[in-house]
C-alpha atoms as a PDB file:
ATOM      1  CA  MET A   1       0.060   0.207   0.449  1.00  0.00           C
ATOM      2  CA  HIS A   2       2.960   2.227   0.738  1.00  0.00           C
ATOM      3  CA  ASN A   3       5.149   1.943  -2.315  1.00  0.00           C
ATOM      4  CA  PRO A   4       2.425   2.840  -4.769  1.00  0.00           C
ATOM      5  CA  TRP A   5       1.445   5.870  -2.227  1.00  0.00           C
ATOM      6  CA  MET A   6       5.288   6.770  -2.221  1.00  0.00           C
ATOM      7  CA  ARG A   7       5.779   6.408  -5.902  1.00  0.00           C
ATOM      8  CA  ALA A   8       2.794   8.606  -6.901  1.00  0.00           C
ATOM      9  CA  VAL A   9       4.188  11.381  -4.228  1.00  0.00           C
ATOM     10  CA  CYS A  10       7.685  11.354  -3.800  1.00  0.00           C
ATOM     11  CA  GLY A  11      10.162  13.575  -5.744  1.00  0.00           C
ATOM     12  CA  ARG A  12      12.860  12.492  -8.029  1.00  0.00           C
ATOM     13  CA  ILE A  13      16.164  13.378  -8.853  1.00  0.00           C
ATOM     14  CA  LYS A  14      16.618  11.736 -12.102  1.00  0.00           C
ATOM     15  CA  SER A  15      15.293   8.022 -11.803  1.00  0.00           C
ATOM     16  CA  ASP A  16      15.884   7.799  -8.341  1.00  0.00           C
ATOM     17  CA  TYR A  17      12.997   8.465  -5.630  1.00  0.00           C
ATOM     18  CA  ARG A  18      13.416  11.363  -3.191  1.00  0.00           C
ATOM     19  CA  TYR A  19      12.366   9.934   0.460  1.00  0.00           C
ATOM     20  CA  SER A  20      11.019  12.589   2.640  1.00  0.00           C
ATOM     21  CA  ALA A  21       9.826  11.558   5.551  1.00  0.00           C
ATOM     22  CA  ASN A  22       7.259  15.125   5.964  1.00  0.00           C
ATOM     23  CA  ILE A  23       6.151  14.741   2.392  1.00  0.00           C
ATOM     24  CA  VAL A  24       6.085  10.894   1.780  1.00  0.00           C
ATOM     25  CA  TYR A  25       5.204   9.421   5.306  1.00  0.00           C
ATOM     26  CA  ASN A  26       4.066  11.876   7.689  1.00  0.00           C
ATOM     27  CA  ASN A  27       1.286  12.735   4.745  1.00  0.00           C
ATOM     28  CA  PHE A  28       0.232   8.567   4.197  1.00  0.00           C
ATOM     29  CA  PRO A  29      -3.449   7.650   4.896  1.00  0.00           C
ATOM     30  CA  TRP A  30      -3.251   5.028   7.308  1.00  0.00           C
ATOM     31  CA  PRO A  31      -6.036   2.885   7.751  1.00  0.00           C
ATOM     32  CA  GLU A  32      -9.453   4.543   9.644  1.00  0.00           C
ATOM     33  CA  ASN A  33     -10.180   2.414  12.771  1.00  0.00           C
ATOM     34  CA  PRO A  34      -8.551  -0.944  12.123  1.00  0.00           C
ATOM     35  CA  ASP A  35     -10.464  -3.408  13.974  1.00  0.00           C
ATOM     36  CA  GLU A  36      -8.104  -5.045  16.700  1.00  0.00           C
ATOM     37  CA  LYS A  37      -8.279  -8.724  14.356  1.00  0.00           C
ATOM     38  CA  ARG A  38      -7.613  -6.254  11.612  1.00  0.00           C
ATOM     39  CA  PHE A  39      -4.420  -5.262  13.408  1.00  0.00           C
ATOM     40  CA  SER A  40      -3.277  -8.671  14.574  1.00  0.00           C
ATOM     41  CA  ALA A  41      -3.350 -10.294  11.060  1.00  0.00           C
ATOM     42  CA  VAL A  42      -1.056  -7.414   9.388  1.00  0.00           C
ATOM     43  CA  GLU A  43       1.230  -7.667  12.789  1.00  0.00           C
ATOM     44  CA  MET A  44       1.549 -11.320  12.415  1.00  0.00           C
ATOM     45  CA  ALA A  45       1.926 -11.165   8.575  1.00  0.00           C
ATOM     46  CA  ALA A  46       4.275  -8.078   8.898  1.00  0.00           C
ATOM     47  CA  GLN A  47       6.257 -10.429  11.156  1.00  0.00           C
ATOM     48  CA  ALA A  48       6.250 -13.776   9.201  1.00  0.00           C
ATOM     49  CA  THR A  49       7.812 -11.643   6.284  1.00  0.00           C
ATOM     50  CA  LEU A  50      10.355 -10.339   8.491  1.00  0.00           C
ATOM     51  CA  ASP A  51      10.724 -14.328   9.586  1.00  0.00           C
ATOM     52  CA  ALA A  52      11.226 -15.897   6.118  1.00  0.00           C
ATOM     53  CA  ARG A  53      13.825 -12.670   5.280  1.00  0.00           C
ATOM     54  CA  ALA A  54      15.487 -13.434   7.610  1.00  0.00           C
ATOM     55  CA  ASN A  55      16.352 -17.303   6.297  1.00  0.00           C
ATOM     56  CA  TYR A  56      17.868 -15.198   3.473  1.00  0.00           C
ATOM     57  CA  SER A  57      20.692 -12.832   5.207  1.00  0.00           C
ATOM     58  CA  ASP A  58      23.756 -13.696   2.560  1.00  0.00           C
ATOM     59  CA  SER A  59      20.394 -12.167  -0.101  1.00  0.00           C
ATOM     60  CA  SER A  60      20.774  -8.358  -1.779  1.00  0.00           C
ATOM     61  CA  LEU A  61      18.009  -6.423  -0.993  1.00  0.00           C
ATOM     62  CA  ALA A  62      17.463  -6.451  -4.798  1.00  0.00           C
ATOM     63  CA  ASP A  63      16.719  -9.914  -4.187  1.00  0.00           C
ATOM     64  CA  LEU A  64      14.519  -9.488  -1.637  1.00  0.00           C
ATOM     65  CA  PHE A  65      12.282  -7.409  -2.722  1.00  0.00           C
ATOM     66  CA  ASP A  66      11.688  -8.172  -6.653  1.00  0.00           C
ATOM     67  CA  PRO A  67       8.923 -10.372  -6.708  1.00  0.00           C
ATOM     68  CA  LEU A  68      10.316 -11.815 -10.056  1.00  0.00           C
ATOM     69  CA  VAL A  69      13.415 -13.312  -8.016  1.00  0.00           C
ATOM     70  CA  MET A  70      12.574 -12.977  -4.714  1.00  0.00           C
ATOM     71  CA  PRO A  71      12.155 -16.393  -2.582  1.00  0.00           C
ATOM     72  CA  ALA A  72       9.274 -18.694  -2.964  1.00  0.00           C
ATOM     73  CA  ASP A  73       7.992 -17.999   0.561  1.00  0.00           C
ATOM     74  CA  LEU A  74       8.961 -14.607   0.724  1.00  0.00           C
ATOM     75  CA  LEU A  75       6.740 -13.840  -2.113  1.00  0.00           C
ATOM     76  CA  HIS A  76       3.936 -16.113   0.481  1.00  0.00           C
ATOM     77  CA  ALA A  77       4.675 -13.934   2.854  1.00  0.00           C
ATOM     78  CA  HIS A  78       4.699 -10.739   1.445  1.00  0.00           C
ATOM     79  CA  ARG A  79       1.345 -11.384  -0.640  1.00  0.00           C
ATOM     80  CA  VAL A  80      -0.453 -12.530   3.003  1.00  0.00           C
ATOM     81  CA  LEU A  81       1.106  -9.130   4.157  1.00  0.00           C
ATOM     82  CA  ASP A  82      -0.312  -7.226   0.889  1.00  0.00           C
ATOM     83  CA  ARG A  83      -4.176  -8.738   1.897  1.00  0.00           C
ATOM     84  CA  GLY A  84      -4.062  -8.118   5.853  1.00  0.00           C
ATOM     85  CA  VAL A  85      -2.962  -4.361   4.854  1.00  0.00           C
ATOM     86  CA  ASP A  86      -5.765  -4.206   1.713  1.00  0.00           C
ATOM     87  CA  ALA A  87      -8.362  -5.542   4.813  1.00  0.00           C
ATOM     88  CA  ALA A  88      -7.003  -2.852   6.931  1.00  0.00           C
ATOM     89  CA  TYR A  89      -8.660  -0.549   4.792  1.00  0.00           C
ATOM     90  CA  GLY A  90     -11.457  -1.929   4.386  1.00  0.00           C
ATOM     91  CA  LYS A  91     -10.907  -3.513   0.550  1.00  0.00           C
ATOM     92  CA  ARG A  92     -10.540  -6.591  -0.649  1.00  0.00           C
ATOM     93  CA  ARG A  93      -8.512  -6.503  -3.579  1.00  0.00           C
ATOM     94  CA  PHE A  94      -7.697  -3.553  -6.002  1.00  0.00           C
ATOM     95  CA  SER A  95      -7.624  -3.665  -9.967  1.00  0.00           C
ATOM     96  CA  THR A  96      -4.419  -1.515 -10.830  1.00  0.00           C
ATOM     97  CA  GLU A  97      -1.900   0.612  -8.979  1.00  0.00           C
ATOM     98  CA  ALA A  98      -4.243   3.478 -10.325  1.00  0.00           C
ATOM     99  CA  GLU A  99      -7.025   2.245  -8.364  1.00  0.00           C
ATOM    100  CA  ARG A 100      -4.856   1.800  -5.153  1.00  0.00           C
ATOM    101  CA  VAL A 101      -3.281   5.298  -5.871  1.00  0.00           C
ATOM    102  CA  ALA A 102      -6.532   6.927  -6.079  1.00  0.00           C
ATOM    103  CA  PHE A 103      -8.299   5.232  -2.991  1.00  0.00           C
ATOM    104  CA  LEU A 104      -5.072   6.321  -1.151  1.00  0.00           C
ATOM    105  CA  PHE A 105      -5.646  10.133  -2.327  1.00  0.00           C
ATOM    106  CA  GLU A 106      -9.592   9.722  -1.701  1.00  0.00           C
ATOM    107  CA  LEU A 107      -8.720   8.863   1.663  1.00  0.00           C
ATOM    108  CA  TYR A 108      -6.165  11.787   2.447  1.00  0.00           C
ATOM    109  CA  GLN A 109      -8.978  14.162   0.878  1.00  0.00           C
ATOM    110  CA  LYS A 110     -11.175  12.902   3.235  1.00  0.00           C
ATOM    111  CA  TYR A 111      -8.715  13.368   6.698  1.00  0.00           C
ATOM    112  CA  THR A 112      -7.381  16.920   5.561  1.00  0.00           C
ATOM    113  CA  SER A 113     -10.881  18.458   4.436  1.00  0.00           C
ATOM    114  CA  LEU A 114     -11.787  20.996   6.234  1.00  0.00           C
ATOM    115  CA  LEU A 115     -15.682  20.596   4.866  1.00  0.00           C
ATOM    116  CA  PRO A 116     -17.706  18.389   6.555  1.00  0.00           C
ATOM    117  CA  ALA A 117     -17.998  14.617   4.576  1.00  0.00           C
ATOM    118  CA  ASN A 118     -20.943  14.715   1.486  1.00  0.00           C
ATOM    119  CA  LYS A 119     -23.902  13.623   4.107  1.00  0.00           C
ATOM    120  CA  SER A 120     -26.983  12.485   1.837  1.00  0.00           C
ATOM    121  CA  LYS A 121     -28.755  15.542   0.396  1.00  0.00           C
ATOM    122  CA  VAL A 122     -31.472  17.167   2.751  1.00  0.00           C
ATOM    123  CA  SER A 123     -34.302  19.218   0.179  1.00  0.00           C
ATOM    124  CA  ARG A 124     -35.339  22.648   1.063  1.00  0.00           C
ATOM    125  CA  ARG A 125     -38.701  23.556   1.315  1.00  0.00           C
ATOM    126  CA  LYS A 126     -39.098  27.205  -0.386  1.00  0.00           C
END
């Protein structure tokens, strides 16, 4: 969830990303009130990913983060983690990265807007 956000909002120097805590991390729209079950699922999946990664301490970061070459058990752990994070946001699946980024920007707008959220329209009598 965070990587598409980072690719959309961070700056670049040539083709390298310039990650900024103030622009990228601090503005990242975290899930709104995930329940304890979902929070716990993400926590366990994150630990499983770290545990799987620890099995490959001699591998390069490129090997451990490229889904085309990472070990199968690590790829599976990442996929379980991704599904858990999506569920924490109340989503089952995103079709594209653009859909994911659009969802995050809608959430960001909701969190930062000074205007009240759209409510059901109330008709006025003249």
